[in-house]
Amino acid sequence: MTLSAFYTSLKRYGFQDAHITDLVKERKLVGPLTAAELDRSWPFFDKELSIVEPLVVVALGNGVLEPLVRRIDRIVPFWRVTHYAYRFRKGSRIGAEFDEDLKRLNLALWNDD
């Protein structure tokens, strides 16, 4: 999935004005987030949430969702979507999976039925 495709998908499902950020503000390693990385970045992320006051927090992958659920101290719905890094997996359907995830989120947030 290219960056252009990422933003096209966001726009297609009404998330073109979404606030996009990273849980960890600086990263030197590849792989799962470390406790030290989370501890260093958490105060900045927590402050960012208090400023933005999001309707929902969307985590790109379980590696981000799990620390959010454990650490967040306010009531905000969480939603997990497929992480774009999975595009490197053999036979990846990342574009289609990401689109499907955003479609489900769109329906969950704005479906009046």
Protein backbone atom coordinates (compact mmCIF):
# COMPACT_ATOMS: atom_id res chain seq x y z
CA MET A 1 0.00 0.00 0.00
CA THR A 2 1.41 3.35 -0.99
CA LEU A 3 1.01 6.55 0.96
CA SER A 4 -1.26 7.83 -1.79
CA ALA A 5 -3.47 4.74 -1.50
CA PHE A 6 -3.57 5.17 2.29
CA TYR A 7 -4.92 8.73 1.98
CA THR A 8 -7.29 7.73 -0.84
CA SER A 9 -8.81 5.08 1.44
CA LEU A 10 -9.16 7.58 4.28
CA LYS A 11 -10.98 10.00 1.98
CA ARG A 12 -13.21 7.28 0.47
CA TYR A 13 -14.69 6.52 3.89
CA GLY A 14 -14.93 10.08 5.20
CA PHE A 15 -11.75 10.21 7.28
CA GLN A 16 -9.85 12.78 5.20
CA ASP A 17 -9.89 15.22 8.14
CA ALA A 18 -8.76 12.63 10.67
CA HIS A 19 -5.97 13.53 13.07
CA ILE A 20 -3.19 11.04 12.33
CA THR A 21 -0.40 10.58 14.83
CA ASP A 22 1.96 7.99 16.26
CA LEU A 23 1.81 6.51 19.73
CA VAL A 24 5.61 6.57 19.90
CA LYS A 25 7.10 9.88 18.84
CA GLU A 26 10.63 8.64 18.11
CA ARG A 27 11.67 5.17 17.10
CA LYS A 28 15.05 3.62 16.40
CA LEU A 29 14.10 -0.05 16.35
CA VAL A 30 12.06 -2.20 14.03
CA GLY A 31 9.68 -4.62 15.70
CA PRO A 32 7.32 -4.53 18.66
CA LEU A 33 7.14 -1.39 20.78
CA THR A 34 9.25 -1.53 23.91
CA ALA A 35 8.13 -0.45 27.37
CA ALA A 36 10.87 2.21 27.37
CA GLU A 37 9.62 3.67 24.06
CA LEU A 38 6.07 3.78 25.38
CA ASP A 39 7.12 5.32 28.69
CA ARG A 40 9.10 8.10 26.95
CA SER A 41 6.32 8.98 24.51
CA TRP A 42 3.19 8.42 26.60
CA PRO A 43 3.01 11.89 28.23
CA PHE A 44 3.12 13.54 24.79
CA PHE A 45 0.51 11.20 23.32
CA ASP A 46 -1.75 11.59 26.36
CA LYS A 47 -1.55 15.40 26.10
CA GLU A 48 -2.27 15.18 22.38
CA LEU A 49 -5.45 13.18 23.11
CA SER A 50 -6.61 15.78 25.62
CA ILE A 51 -6.14 18.54 23.02
CA VAL A 52 -7.74 16.70 20.09
CA GLU A 53 -10.56 15.03 22.09
CA PRO A 54 -11.15 12.32 19.47
CA LEU A 55 -14.47 10.65 18.81
CA VAL A 56 -12.62 7.36 18.39
CA VAL A 57 -9.00 6.21 18.54
CA VAL A 58 -8.03 3.97 15.63
CA ALA A 59 -4.97 1.81 16.20
CA LEU A 60 -2.94 0.52 13.28
CA GLY A 61 -2.41 -3.07 14.41
CA ASN A 62 -2.53 -4.96 17.70
CA GLY A 63 0.94 -3.75 18.68
CA VAL A 64 -0.54 -0.28 19.16
CA LEU A 65 -4.03 -1.29 20.33
CA GLU A 66 -2.85 -3.31 23.33
CA PRO A 67 -0.77 -0.51 24.95
CA LEU A 68 -3.59 1.97 24.31
CA VAL A 69 -6.16 -0.18 26.05
CA ARG A 70 -3.82 -0.75 29.02
CA ARG A 71 -2.75 2.88 29.45
CA ILE A 72 -5.61 5.16 28.45
CA ASP A 73 -7.41 6.81 31.36
CA ARG A 74 -10.45 8.24 29.60
CA ILE A 75 -13.48 6.76 27.90
CA VAL A 76 -12.72 6.68 24.19
CA PRO A 77 -13.82 3.88 21.87
CA PHE A 78 -10.94 1.98 20.30
CA TRP A 79 -10.88 0.49 16.83
CA ARG A 80 -8.13 -1.62 15.28
CA VAL A 81 -7.32 -1.57 11.58
CA THR A 82 -4.73 -3.53 9.65
CA HIS A 83 -1.25 -2.02 9.94
CA TYR A 84 0.18 -0.79 6.66
CA ALA A 85 3.49 -2.62 7.31
CA TYR A 86 1.72 -5.88 6.45
CA ARG A 87 2.05 -4.87 2.81
CA PHE A 88 5.42 -6.62 2.86
CA ARG A 89 3.93 -10.03 3.61
CA LYS A 90 3.82 -12.49 0.73
CA GLY A 91 0.47 -12.38 -1.06
CA SER A 92 -0.63 -9.41 1.03
CA ARG A 93 -4.09 -7.98 0.53
CA ILE A 94 -3.27 -4.94 2.67
CA GLY A 95 -5.06 -2.42 0.46
CA ALA A 96 -8.26 -4.45 0.44
CA GLU A 97 -8.02 -5.25 4.18
CA PHE A 98 -7.40 -1.61 5.08
CA ASP A 99 -10.37 -0.55 2.93
CA GLU A 100 -12.59 -3.17 4.58
CA ASP A 101 -11.49 -2.00 8.05
CA LEU A 102 -12.26 1.64 7.24
CA LYS A 103 -15.63 0.72 5.74
CA ARG A 104 -16.59 -1.12 8.96
CA LEU A 105 -15.43 1.84 11.06
CA ASN A 106 -17.42 4.25 8.90
CA LEU A 107 -20.55 2.13 9.33
CA ALA A 108 -20.01 1.79 13.08
CA LEU A 109 -19.61 5.54 13.55
CA TRP A 110 -22.12 7.00 11.13
CA ASN A 111 -24.69 4.36 10.22
CA ASP A 112 -28.08 5.66 11.34
CA ASP A 113 -29.92 2.35 10.88
